[in-house]
């Protein structure tokens, strides 16, 4: 055998060993797959943790109540406070509208522990002129509420009940709306509405 033939044979042997070491099995499984029996093993601990049910929460089972109170500060701007039996952390929107002009001020707030909420001050820097005002407290749809609130009220507010409950204008389930009329000034107009007259502190 010539030196050239020996060189070709050695080169072929080296290439054969190199290909055997780099390649996987014929069906494309990697050596790691072969050690695990060719089947990817699921992480059973993670799966078990994610399949645990969420803790049970009692649904909201009483008629919704909202009490609204307001006071006029010395700068003639309005502070709104209220109480409700809605769950703690429920998001609310408080709206104050002047009846004569339709001018509105609004602010978001949340129900605190114990059922209280507060918003304001409302009105221009120069203060609210005398006249009638309507204060409205709205609860936005359950879809924008925190998860712990949705768990009590239902994903579409289906556990809400009572005269304050109404369907959302956008088809997002049930919402609530409560309003109260207030008169600012010393000479209120004649009205048949339930109103409260506020004087400057």
N, C-alpha and C. Protein backbone atom coordinates (compact mmCIF):
# COMPACT_ATOMS: atom_id res chain seq x y z
N UNK A 1 0.86 -1.19 0.00
CA UNK A 1 0.00 0.00 0.00
C UNK A 1 0.89 1.23 0.00
N UNK A 2 0.59 2.14 -0.89
CA UNK A 2 1.41 3.34 -1.02
C UNK A 2 1.09 4.31 0.10
N UNK A 3 1.97 5.25 0.25
CA UNK A 3 1.77 6.28 1.28
C UNK A 3 0.52 7.09 0.99
N UNK A 4 0.25 7.30 -0.29
CA UNK A 4 -0.94 8.09 -0.66
C UNK A 4 -2.21 7.36 -0.26
N UNK A 5 -2.26 6.02 -0.49
CA UNK A 5 -3.43 5.23 -0.12
C UNK A 5 -3.63 5.21 1.39
N UNK A 6 -2.51 5.09 2.14
CA UNK A 6 -2.65 5.11 3.59
C UNK A 6 -3.21 6.47 4.08
N UNK A 7 -2.76 7.54 3.43
CA UNK A 7 -3.24 8.89 3.81
C UNK A 7 -4.73 9.02 3.56
N UNK A 8 -5.21 8.51 2.42
CA UNK A 8 -6.64 8.59 2.09
C UNK A 8 -7.45 7.77 3.09
N UNK A 9 -6.96 6.56 3.45
CA UNK A 9 -7.69 5.70 4.38
C UNK A 9 -7.79 6.36 5.76
N UNK A 10 -6.70 6.96 6.25
CA UNK A 10 -6.71 7.62 7.56
C UNK A 10 -7.66 8.81 7.54
N UNK A 11 -7.62 9.58 6.46
CA UNK A 11 -8.50 10.75 6.35
C UNK A 11 -9.96 10.32 6.38
N UNK A 12 -10.31 9.26 5.65
CA UNK A 12 -11.69 8.75 5.63
C UNK A 12 -12.12 8.28 7.00
N UNK A 13 -11.22 7.60 7.73
CA UNK A 13 -11.54 7.12 9.07
C UNK A 13 -11.81 8.28 10.02
N UNK A 14 -10.97 9.34 9.94
CA UNK A 14 -11.14 10.52 10.80
C UNK A 14 -12.47 11.21 10.49
N UNK A 15 -12.80 11.37 9.20
CA UNK A 15 -14.06 12.01 8.83
C UNK A 15 -15.25 11.19 9.30
N UNK A 16 -15.17 9.88 9.20
CA UNK A 16 -16.26 9.02 9.66
C UNK A 16 -16.50 9.15 11.14
N UNK A 17 -15.44 9.19 11.93
CA UNK A 17 -15.59 9.36 13.37
C UNK A 17 -16.16 10.72 13.72
N UNK A 18 -15.72 11.74 13.00
CA UNK A 18 -16.20 13.10 13.26
C UNK A 18 -17.69 13.21 12.98
N UNK A 19 -18.16 12.63 11.88
CA UNK A 19 -19.57 12.68 11.53
C UNK A 19 -20.41 11.91 12.54
N UNK A 20 -19.91 10.78 13.00
CA UNK A 20 -20.64 9.98 13.98
C UNK A 20 -20.78 10.73 15.29
N UNK A 21 -19.75 11.48 15.67
CA UNK A 21 -19.79 12.22 16.94
C UNK A 21 -20.69 13.43 16.87
N UNK A 22 -20.82 14.09 15.69
CA UNK A 22 -21.60 15.32 15.58
C UNK A 22 -23.06 15.05 15.27
N UNK A 23 -23.36 14.00 14.62
CA UNK A 23 -24.73 13.76 14.17
C UNK A 23 -25.59 13.19 15.27
N UNK A 24 -26.92 13.37 15.11
CA UNK A 24 -27.86 12.78 16.03
C UNK A 24 -28.35 11.47 15.45
N UNK A 25 -29.42 10.95 15.97
CA UNK A 25 -29.98 9.72 15.44
C UNK A 25 -30.72 10.05 14.16
N UNK A 26 -31.16 9.02 13.46
CA UNK A 26 -31.78 9.22 12.16
C UNK A 26 -33.07 10.03 12.26
N UNK A 27 -33.80 9.93 13.35
CA UNK A 27 -35.06 10.66 13.46
C UNK A 27 -34.87 12.07 14.04
N UNK A 28 -33.62 12.54 14.15
CA UNK A 28 -33.34 13.92 14.54
C UNK A 28 -33.36 14.16 16.03
N UNK A 29 -33.45 13.14 16.88
CA UNK A 29 -33.43 13.36 18.32
C UNK A 29 -32.02 13.66 18.78
N UNK A 30 -31.90 14.53 19.72
CA UNK A 30 -30.60 14.87 20.27
C UNK A 30 -30.24 13.86 21.34
N UNK A 31 -28.95 13.77 21.70
CA UNK A 31 -28.56 12.85 22.77
C UNK A 31 -29.33 13.10 24.06
N UNK A 32 -29.66 14.38 24.36
CA UNK A 32 -30.42 14.66 25.57
C UNK A 32 -31.80 14.02 25.50
N UNK A 33 -32.41 14.07 24.27
CA UNK A 33 -33.71 13.44 24.11
C UNK A 33 -33.62 11.94 24.33
N UNK A 34 -32.53 11.33 23.85
CA UNK A 34 -32.37 9.89 23.99
C UNK A 34 -32.25 9.51 25.47
N UNK A 35 -31.56 10.33 26.24
CA UNK A 35 -31.41 10.01 27.66
C UNK A 35 -32.74 10.08 28.39
N UNK A 36 -33.70 10.92 27.89
CA UNK A 36 -35.00 11.04 28.53
C UNK A 36 -36.03 10.13 27.87
N UNK A 37 -35.56 9.18 27.08
CA UNK A 37 -36.49 8.28 26.43
C UNK A 37 -37.12 8.87 25.19
N UNK A 38 -36.56 9.99 24.67
CA UNK A 38 -37.06 10.58 23.44
C UNK A 38 -38.33 11.40 23.63
N UNK A 39 -38.78 11.62 24.86
CA UNK A 39 -40.00 12.39 25.11
C UNK A 39 -39.67 13.54 26.04
N UNK A 40 -40.09 14.74 25.66
CA UNK A 40 -39.86 15.89 26.52
C UNK A 40 -40.65 15.70 27.80
N UNK A 41 -40.00 15.89 28.94
CA UNK A 41 -40.63 15.68 30.23
C UNK A 41 -41.21 17.01 30.73
N UNK A 42 -42.53 17.08 31.03
CA UNK A 42 -43.10 18.34 31.52
C UNK A 42 -42.63 18.65 32.93
N UNK A 43 -42.63 19.94 33.23
CA UNK A 43 -42.28 20.38 34.58
C UNK A 43 -43.54 20.23 35.44
N UNK A 44 -43.66 19.09 36.09
CA UNK A 44 -44.91 18.79 36.80
C UNK A 44 -45.15 19.74 37.96
N UNK A 45 -44.09 20.28 38.58
CA UNK A 45 -44.29 21.19 39.71
C UNK A 45 -44.95 22.47 39.26
N UNK A 46 -44.52 23.01 38.11
CA UNK A 46 -45.11 24.25 37.59
C UNK A 46 -46.56 24.00 37.19
N UNK A 47 -46.81 22.88 36.50
CA UNK A 47 -48.18 22.58 36.09
C UNK A 47 -49.10 22.44 37.29
N UNK A 48 -48.63 21.79 38.32
CA UNK A 48 -49.46 21.59 39.51
C UNK A 48 -49.78 22.93 40.17
N UNK A 49 -48.80 23.85 40.20
CA UNK A 49 -49.03 25.15 40.83
C UNK A 49 -50.05 25.96 40.04
N UNK A 50 -49.97 25.91 38.70
CA UNK A 50 -50.86 26.73 37.90
C UNK A 50 -52.28 26.18 37.85
N UNK A 51 -52.45 24.91 38.15
CA UNK A 51 -53.79 24.33 38.08
C UNK A 51 -54.54 24.42 39.40
N UNK A 52 -53.92 25.01 40.43
CA UNK A 52 -54.61 25.17 41.70
C UNK A 52 -55.75 26.16 41.55
N UNK A 53 -56.94 25.86 42.05
CA UNK A 53 -58.06 26.79 41.91
C UNK A 53 -57.86 28.04 42.74
N UNK A 54 -58.42 29.15 42.24
CA UNK A 54 -58.35 30.42 42.98
C UNK A 54 -59.19 30.28 44.24
N UNK A 55 -58.81 30.99 45.30
CA UNK A 55 -59.59 30.88 46.54
C UNK A 55 -61.03 31.32 46.33
N UNK A 56 -61.95 30.64 46.99
CA UNK A 56 -63.37 30.93 46.87
C UNK A 56 -63.69 32.27 47.52
N UNK A 57 -64.47 33.10 46.82
CA UNK A 57 -64.89 34.39 47.35
C UNK A 57 -66.40 34.44 47.29
N UNK A 58 -67.03 34.84 48.38
CA UNK A 58 -68.49 34.90 48.41
C UNK A 58 -68.97 36.00 47.46
N UNK A 59 -69.93 35.70 46.57
CA UNK A 59 -70.44 36.73 45.67
C UNK A 59 -71.19 37.81 46.44
N UNK A 60 -71.25 38.98 45.85
CA UNK A 60 -71.97 40.11 46.45
C UNK A 60 -73.46 39.77 46.43
N UNK A 61 -74.10 39.76 47.58
CA UNK A 61 -75.48 39.26 47.63
C UNK A 61 -76.45 40.22 48.32
N UNK A 62 -76.20 41.52 48.24
CA UNK A 62 -77.10 42.49 48.84
C UNK A 62 -77.38 43.62 47.86
N UNK A 63 -78.48 44.31 48.06
CA UNK A 63 -78.81 45.44 47.20
C UNK A 63 -77.77 46.55 47.39
N UNK A 64 -77.32 47.12 46.28
CA UNK A 64 -76.30 48.15 46.34
C UNK A 64 -76.88 49.42 46.96
N UNK A 65 -76.12 50.00 47.89
CA UNK A 65 -76.53 51.27 48.49
C UNK A 65 -75.38 52.26 48.36
N UNK A 66 -75.73 53.51 48.07
CA UNK A 66 -74.75 54.59 47.97
C UNK A 66 -75.33 55.82 48.64
N UNK A 67 -74.63 56.36 49.62
CA UNK A 67 -75.03 57.61 50.26
C UNK A 67 -74.07 58.72 49.83
N UNK A 68 -74.61 59.87 49.46
CA UNK A 68 -73.79 60.98 48.96
C UNK A 68 -73.95 62.17 49.89
N UNK A 69 -72.84 62.77 50.26
CA UNK A 69 -72.85 63.98 51.07
C UNK A 69 -71.87 64.95 50.45
N UNK A 70 -72.10 66.24 50.64
CA UNK A 70 -71.22 67.24 50.06
C UNK A 70 -71.13 68.43 51.00
N UNK A 71 -70.00 69.12 50.92
CA UNK A 71 -69.83 70.34 51.70
C UNK A 71 -69.08 71.36 50.85
N UNK A 72 -69.43 72.59 51.06
CA UNK A 72 -68.81 73.68 50.33
C UNK A 72 -67.68 74.25 51.16
N UNK A 73 -66.48 74.27 50.60
CA UNK A 73 -65.34 74.80 51.34
C UNK A 73 -65.38 76.32 51.37
N UNK A 74 -64.47 76.90 52.11
CA UNK A 74 -64.43 78.36 52.23
C UNK A 74 -64.12 79.04 50.89
N UNK A 75 -63.48 78.30 49.97
CA UNK A 75 -63.20 78.87 48.64
C UNK A 75 -64.34 78.58 47.66
N UNK A 76 -65.50 78.09 48.18
CA UNK A 76 -66.70 77.79 47.40
C UNK A 76 -66.48 76.67 46.39
N UNK A 77 -65.55 75.79 46.68
CA UNK A 77 -65.39 74.58 45.88
C UNK A 77 -65.99 73.42 46.67
N UNK A 78 -66.47 72.41 45.96
CA UNK A 78 -67.28 71.36 46.55
C UNK A 78 -66.45 70.10 46.85
N UNK A 79 -66.59 69.59 48.05
CA UNK A 79 -66.01 68.30 48.43
C UNK A 79 -67.15 67.29 48.52
N UNK A 80 -66.96 66.12 47.91
CA UNK A 80 -67.98 65.07 47.92
C UNK A 80 -67.47 63.89 48.73
N UNK A 81 -68.28 63.43 49.66
CA UNK A 81 -67.97 62.24 50.43
C UNK A 81 -69.16 61.31 50.37
N UNK A 82 -68.93 60.04 50.61
CA UNK A 82 -70.05 59.11 50.55
C UNK A 82 -69.73 57.80 51.22
N UNK A 83 -70.76 56.98 51.32
CA UNK A 83 -70.61 55.63 51.86
C UNK A 83 -71.33 54.66 50.93
N UNK A 84 -70.87 53.44 50.89
CA UNK A 84 -71.47 52.41 50.05
C UNK A 84 -71.16 51.04 50.63
N UNK A 85 -71.96 50.07 50.25
CA UNK A 85 -71.70 48.70 50.65
C UNK A 85 -70.99 47.91 49.55
N UNK A 86 -70.55 48.60 48.50
CA UNK A 86 -69.75 47.94 47.47
C UNK A 86 -68.42 47.49 48.07
N UNK A 87 -67.78 46.46 47.50
CA UNK A 87 -66.54 45.94 48.09
C UNK A 87 -65.42 46.98 48.14
N UNK A 88 -64.56 46.82 49.11
CA UNK A 88 -63.37 47.67 49.20
C UNK A 88 -62.58 47.59 47.91
N UNK A 89 -62.01 48.69 47.47
CA UNK A 89 -61.19 48.83 46.25
C UNK A 89 -62.02 48.96 44.98
N UNK A 90 -63.37 48.99 45.10
CA UNK A 90 -64.20 49.23 43.92
C UNK A 90 -63.90 50.63 43.38
N UNK A 91 -63.68 50.71 42.07
CA UNK A 91 -63.40 52.00 41.44
C UNK A 91 -64.71 52.73 41.14
N UNK A 92 -64.74 54.01 41.49
CA UNK A 92 -65.92 54.84 41.26
C UNK A 92 -65.53 56.09 40.50
N UNK A 93 -66.53 56.72 39.90
CA UNK A 93 -66.32 58.01 39.25
C UNK A 93 -67.36 58.97 39.80
N UNK A 94 -66.91 60.12 40.30
CA UNK A 94 -67.80 61.13 40.87
C UNK A 94 -67.88 62.29 39.89
N UNK A 95 -69.11 62.67 39.56
CA UNK A 95 -69.36 63.72 38.57
C UNK A 95 -70.21 64.81 39.22
N UNK A 96 -69.79 66.06 39.06
CA UNK A 96 -70.57 67.21 39.54
C UNK A 96 -70.92 68.05 38.32
N UNK A 97 -72.22 68.33 38.16
CA UNK A 97 -72.69 69.10 37.00
C UNK A 97 -73.54 70.27 37.44
N UNK A 98 -73.22 71.44 36.90
CA UNK A 98 -74.04 72.63 37.17
C UNK A 98 -75.25 72.59 36.25
N UNK A 99 -76.43 72.64 36.83
CA UNK A 99 -77.64 72.48 36.03
C UNK A 99 -77.83 73.60 35.01
N UNK A 100 -77.52 74.83 35.38
CA UNK A 100 -77.80 75.98 34.50
C UNK A 100 -76.95 75.95 33.23
N UNK A 101 -75.67 75.59 33.36
CA UNK A 101 -74.77 75.66 32.21
C UNK A 101 -74.37 74.29 31.65
N UNK A 102 -74.58 73.24 32.43
CA UNK A 102 -74.14 71.92 31.98
C UNK A 102 -72.65 71.68 32.14
N UNK A 103 -71.94 72.62 32.76
CA UNK A 103 -70.50 72.44 32.99
C UNK A 103 -70.29 71.31 33.98
N UNK A 104 -69.31 70.45 33.69
CA UNK A 104 -69.07 69.27 34.53
C UNK A 104 -67.65 69.22 35.05
N UNK A 105 -67.53 68.62 36.23
CA UNK A 105 -66.22 68.28 36.79
C UNK A 105 -66.31 66.83 37.23
N UNK A 106 -65.26 66.07 37.02
CA UNK A 106 -65.31 64.67 37.43
C UNK A 106 -63.96 64.21 37.99
N UNK A 107 -64.02 63.20 38.81
CA UNK A 107 -62.81 62.67 39.44
C UNK A 107 -63.03 61.19 39.76
N UNK A 108 -61.97 60.41 39.62
CA UNK A 108 -62.03 58.99 39.98
C UNK A 108 -61.62 58.80 41.44
N UNK A 109 -62.24 57.81 42.07
CA UNK A 109 -61.89 57.49 43.45
C UNK A 109 -62.13 56.01 43.67
N UNK A 110 -61.82 55.51 44.86
CA UNK A 110 -62.04 54.09 45.18
C UNK A 110 -62.70 53.98 46.54
N UNK A 111 -63.39 52.87 46.74
CA UNK A 111 -64.02 52.60 48.03
C UNK A 111 -62.94 52.16 49.01
N UNK A 112 -62.87 52.84 50.14
CA UNK A 112 -61.89 52.53 51.16
C UNK A 112 -62.42 51.47 52.12
N UNK A 113 -61.56 50.97 53.00
CA UNK A 113 -61.99 50.04 54.04
C UNK A 113 -63.09 50.71 54.87
N UNK A 114 -64.15 50.00 55.13
CA UNK A 114 -65.26 50.58 55.87
C UNK A 114 -66.34 51.15 54.98
N UNK A 115 -66.10 51.21 53.66
CA UNK A 115 -67.14 51.63 52.72
C UNK A 115 -67.18 53.11 52.39
N UNK A 116 -66.22 53.89 52.85
CA UNK A 116 -66.23 55.32 52.55
C UNK A 116 -65.49 55.65 51.25
N UNK A 117 -65.85 56.77 50.66
CA UNK A 117 -65.11 57.29 49.50
C UNK A 117 -65.19 58.81 49.54
N UNK A 118 -64.25 59.46 48.86
CA UNK A 118 -64.21 60.93 48.84
C UNK A 118 -63.61 61.39 47.53
N UNK A 119 -64.02 62.57 47.09
CA UNK A 119 -63.48 63.16 45.85
C UNK A 119 -63.62 64.67 45.94
N UNK A 120 -62.78 65.35 45.17
CA UNK A 120 -62.84 66.81 45.12
C UNK A 120 -61.50 67.44 45.49
N UNK A 121 -61.46 68.76 45.51
CA UNK A 121 -62.58 69.68 45.36
C UNK A 121 -63.00 69.85 43.90
N UNK A 122 -64.29 70.16 43.72
CA UNK A 122 -64.87 70.39 42.40
C UNK A 122 -65.21 71.86 42.23
N UNK A 123 -65.09 72.34 41.00
CA UNK A 123 -65.46 73.71 40.70
C UNK A 123 -64.27 74.53 40.23
N UNK A 124 -64.54 75.71 39.67
CA UNK A 124 -63.47 76.58 39.20
C UNK A 124 -62.73 77.21 40.37
N UNK A 125 -61.57 77.75 40.08
CA UNK A 125 -60.78 78.41 41.12
C UNK A 125 -61.51 79.56 41.78
N UNK A 126 -62.43 80.19 41.04
CA UNK A 126 -63.18 81.32 41.59
C UNK A 126 -64.34 80.87 42.46
N UNK A 127 -64.59 79.54 42.50
CA UNK A 127 -65.68 79.02 43.32
C UNK A 127 -66.95 78.79 42.54
N UNK A 128 -67.83 78.00 43.11
CA UNK A 128 -69.10 77.67 42.44
C UNK A 128 -70.12 78.79 42.65
N UNK A 129 -70.76 79.24 41.58
CA UNK A 129 -71.82 80.23 41.75
C UNK A 129 -73.07 79.58 42.36
N UNK A 130 -73.94 80.39 42.92
CA UNK A 130 -75.19 79.86 43.48
C UNK A 130 -75.98 79.14 42.39
N UNK A 131 -76.74 78.15 42.81
CA UNK A 131 -77.59 77.43 41.86
C UNK A 131 -77.65 75.96 42.18
N UNK A 132 -78.26 75.22 41.27
CA UNK A 132 -78.44 73.79 41.45
C UNK A 132 -77.31 72.99 40.83
N UNK A 133 -76.94 71.94 41.51
CA UNK A 133 -75.88 71.03 41.04
C UNK A 133 -76.34 69.59 41.25
N UNK A 134 -75.97 68.73 40.32
CA UNK A 134 -76.26 67.31 40.49
C UNK A 134 -74.96 66.55 40.64
N UNK A 135 -74.89 65.80 41.72
CA UNK A 135 -73.71 64.97 41.99
C UNK A 135 -74.08 63.52 41.66
N UNK A 136 -73.31 62.89 40.81
CA UNK A 136 -73.58 61.52 40.38
C UNK A 136 -72.37 60.66 40.70
N UNK A 137 -72.62 59.50 41.29
CA UNK A 137 -71.57 58.51 41.56
C UNK A 137 -71.84 57.31 40.67
N UNK A 138 -70.89 57.00 39.79
CA UNK A 138 -71.01 55.87 38.88
C UNK A 138 -69.97 54.81 39.22
N UNK A 139 -70.34 53.56 39.07
CA UNK A 139 -69.37 52.47 39.14
C UNK A 139 -69.13 52.00 37.72
N UNK A 140 -67.88 52.12 37.20
CA UNK A 140 -67.58 51.62 35.86
C UNK A 140 -67.80 50.11 35.78
N UNK A 141 -67.84 49.54 34.56
CA UNK A 141 -68.08 48.10 34.40
C UNK A 141 -67.07 47.25 35.17
N UNK A 142 -67.50 46.03 35.51
CA UNK A 142 -66.64 45.11 36.26
C UNK A 142 -65.36 44.79 35.51
N UNK A 143 -65.38 44.89 34.19
CA UNK A 143 -64.19 44.54 33.41
C UNK A 143 -63.01 45.45 33.71
N UNK A 144 -63.24 46.65 34.24
CA UNK A 144 -62.14 47.55 34.57
C UNK A 144 -61.88 47.61 36.08
N UNK A 145 -62.57 46.77 36.84
CA UNK A 145 -62.38 46.73 38.29
C UNK A 145 -61.24 45.78 38.64
N UNK A 146 -60.62 45.94 39.81
CA UNK A 146 -59.57 45.00 40.24
C UNK A 146 -60.12 43.58 40.34
N UNK A 147 -59.23 42.60 40.24
CA UNK A 147 -59.65 41.19 40.21
C UNK A 147 -60.42 40.79 41.46
N UNK A 148 -60.04 41.32 42.64
CA UNK A 148 -60.75 40.94 43.86
C UNK A 148 -62.17 41.48 43.88
N UNK A 149 -62.39 42.62 43.20
CA UNK A 149 -63.74 43.18 43.10
C UNK A 149 -64.57 42.37 42.10
N UNK A 150 -63.96 42.03 40.95
CA UNK A 150 -64.66 41.21 39.96
C UNK A 150 -65.08 39.87 40.54
N UNK A 151 -64.24 39.30 41.42
CA UNK A 151 -64.58 38.01 42.02
C UNK A 151 -65.86 38.11 42.83
N UNK A 152 -66.13 39.27 43.43
CA UNK A 152 -67.35 39.44 44.24
C UNK A 152 -68.55 39.86 43.39
N UNK A 153 -68.31 40.76 42.44
CA UNK A 153 -69.43 41.32 41.67
C UNK A 153 -69.80 40.50 40.45
N UNK A 154 -68.88 39.61 40.01
CA UNK A 154 -69.08 38.88 38.77
C UNK A 154 -68.36 39.56 37.63
N UNK A 155 -67.94 38.79 36.63
CA UNK A 155 -67.18 39.33 35.51
C UNK A 155 -67.96 40.37 34.72
N UNK A 156 -69.29 40.31 34.77
CA UNK A 156 -70.13 41.29 34.09
C UNK A 156 -71.06 42.00 35.06
N UNK A 157 -70.67 41.98 36.35
CA UNK A 157 -71.49 42.63 37.36
C UNK A 157 -72.81 41.92 37.61
N UNK A 158 -72.87 40.62 37.30
CA UNK A 158 -74.14 39.90 37.39
C UNK A 158 -74.63 39.71 38.83
N UNK A 159 -73.77 39.92 39.83
CA UNK A 159 -74.21 39.77 41.22
C UNK A 159 -74.76 41.08 41.80
N UNK A 160 -74.69 42.16 41.03
CA UNK A 160 -75.24 43.44 41.50
C UNK A 160 -76.76 43.41 41.44
N UNK A 161 -77.39 43.98 42.44
CA UNK A 161 -78.85 44.09 42.40
C UNK A 161 -79.31 45.30 43.20
N UNK A 162 -80.55 45.69 42.95
CA UNK A 162 -81.11 46.86 43.62
C UNK A 162 -81.48 47.94 42.62
N UNK A 163 -82.16 48.99 43.09
CA UNK A 163 -82.65 50.04 42.19
C UNK A 163 -81.55 50.88 41.53
N UNK A 164 -80.34 50.85 42.07
CA UNK A 164 -79.25 51.65 41.47
C UNK A 164 -78.57 50.93 40.31
N UNK A 165 -78.90 49.66 40.11
CA UNK A 165 -78.23 48.85 39.08
C UNK A 165 -78.89 49.10 37.73
N UNK A 166 -78.06 49.21 36.71
CA UNK A 166 -78.57 49.40 35.35
C UNK A 166 -77.59 48.79 34.36
N UNK A 167 -78.04 48.47 33.14
CA UNK A 167 -77.12 47.91 32.16
C UNK A 167 -76.14 48.97 31.66
N UNK A 168 -74.92 48.54 31.38
CA UNK A 168 -73.92 49.45 30.83
C UNK A 168 -74.36 49.92 29.44
N UNK A 169 -74.06 51.17 29.12
CA UNK A 169 -74.41 51.70 27.80
C UNK A 169 -73.64 51.02 26.68
N UNK A 170 -72.50 50.40 27.03
CA UNK A 170 -71.65 49.79 26.00
C UNK A 170 -71.76 48.27 26.00
N UNK A 171 -72.79 47.73 26.65
CA UNK A 171 -72.98 46.29 26.65
C UNK A 171 -71.94 45.52 27.43
N UNK A 172 -71.39 46.14 28.47
CA UNK A 172 -70.32 45.50 29.26
C UNK A 172 -70.85 44.98 30.60
N UNK A 173 -72.12 44.61 30.64
CA UNK A 173 -72.68 44.08 31.87
C UNK A 173 -73.41 45.14 32.67
N UNK A 174 -73.54 44.89 33.98
CA UNK A 174 -74.29 45.79 34.85
C UNK A 174 -73.36 46.76 35.56
N UNK A 175 -73.84 47.99 35.73
CA UNK A 175 -73.11 49.03 36.46
C UNK A 175 -74.08 49.65 37.46
N UNK A 176 -73.59 50.59 38.26
CA UNK A 176 -74.49 51.30 39.16
C UNK A 176 -74.33 52.80 38.96
N UNK A 177 -75.40 53.53 39.26
CA UNK A 177 -75.37 54.99 39.18
C UNK A 177 -76.31 55.54 40.24
N UNK A 178 -75.79 56.46 41.05
CA UNK A 178 -76.59 57.11 42.09
C UNK A 178 -76.38 58.61 41.98
N UNK A 179 -77.42 59.39 42.14
CA UNK A 179 -77.26 60.83 42.04
C UNK A 179 -78.07 61.54 43.11
N UNK A 180 -77.64 62.75 43.41
CA UNK A 180 -78.28 63.59 44.43
C UNK A 180 -78.18 65.04 43.96
N UNK A 181 -79.25 65.78 44.11
CA UNK A 181 -79.26 67.19 43.72
C UNK A 181 -78.95 68.05 44.93
N UNK A 182 -78.09 69.04 44.74
CA UNK A 182 -77.71 69.98 45.80
C UNK A 182 -77.90 71.40 45.30
N UNK A 183 -78.32 72.26 46.22
CA UNK A 183 -78.46 73.68 45.91
C UNK A 183 -77.40 74.45 46.69
N UNK A 184 -76.70 75.31 45.98
CA UNK A 184 -75.68 76.15 46.61
C UNK A 184 -76.24 77.57 46.69
N UNK A 185 -76.20 78.16 47.85
CA UNK A 185 -76.67 79.53 47.99
C UNK A 185 -77.73 79.66 49.06
N UNK A 186 -78.06 80.91 49.42
CA UNK A 186 -78.99 81.15 50.52
C UNK A 186 -80.44 81.25 50.06
N UNK A 187 -80.69 81.35 48.76
CA UNK A 187 -82.06 81.45 48.25
C UNK A 187 -82.31 80.35 47.22
N UNK A 188 -82.58 79.14 47.69
CA UNK A 188 -82.80 78.05 46.74
C UNK A 188 -84.08 78.25 45.94
N UNK A 189 -84.07 77.73 44.71
CA UNK A 189 -85.27 77.80 43.88
C UNK A 189 -86.28 76.76 44.38
N UNK A 190 -87.55 76.98 44.06
CA UNK A 190 -88.58 76.00 44.42
C UNK A 190 -88.36 74.75 43.60
N UNK A 191 -88.40 73.62 44.26
CA UNK A 191 -88.17 72.36 43.56
C UNK A 191 -88.89 71.24 44.30
N UNK A 192 -89.24 70.20 43.56
CA UNK A 192 -89.85 69.03 44.18
C UNK A 192 -88.81 67.93 44.40
N UNK A 193 -87.58 68.15 43.94
CA UNK A 193 -86.52 67.16 44.15
C UNK A 193 -86.09 67.12 45.60
N UNK A 194 -85.51 65.99 45.99
CA UNK A 194 -84.89 65.91 47.32
C UNK A 194 -83.54 66.63 47.21
N UNK A 195 -83.38 67.70 47.94
CA UNK A 195 -82.16 68.51 47.81
C UNK A 195 -81.60 68.83 49.18
N UNK A 196 -80.36 69.28 49.16
CA UNK A 196 -79.73 69.78 50.37
C UNK A 196 -79.15 71.14 50.06
N UNK A 197 -79.44 72.12 50.91
CA UNK A 197 -78.94 73.47 50.69
C UNK A 197 -77.64 73.64 51.44
N UNK A 198 -76.65 74.14 50.75
CA UNK A 198 -75.33 74.30 51.34
C UNK A 198 -74.97 75.76 51.45
N UNK A 199 -74.47 76.15 52.59
CA UNK A 199 -73.97 77.49 52.82
C UNK A 199 -72.45 77.43 52.89
N UNK A 200 -71.81 78.53 52.60
CA UNK A 200 -70.35 78.59 52.67
C UNK A 200 -69.93 78.47 54.13
N UNK A 201 -68.94 77.64 54.39
CA UNK A 201 -68.43 77.45 55.76
C UNK A 201 -67.67 78.66 56.24
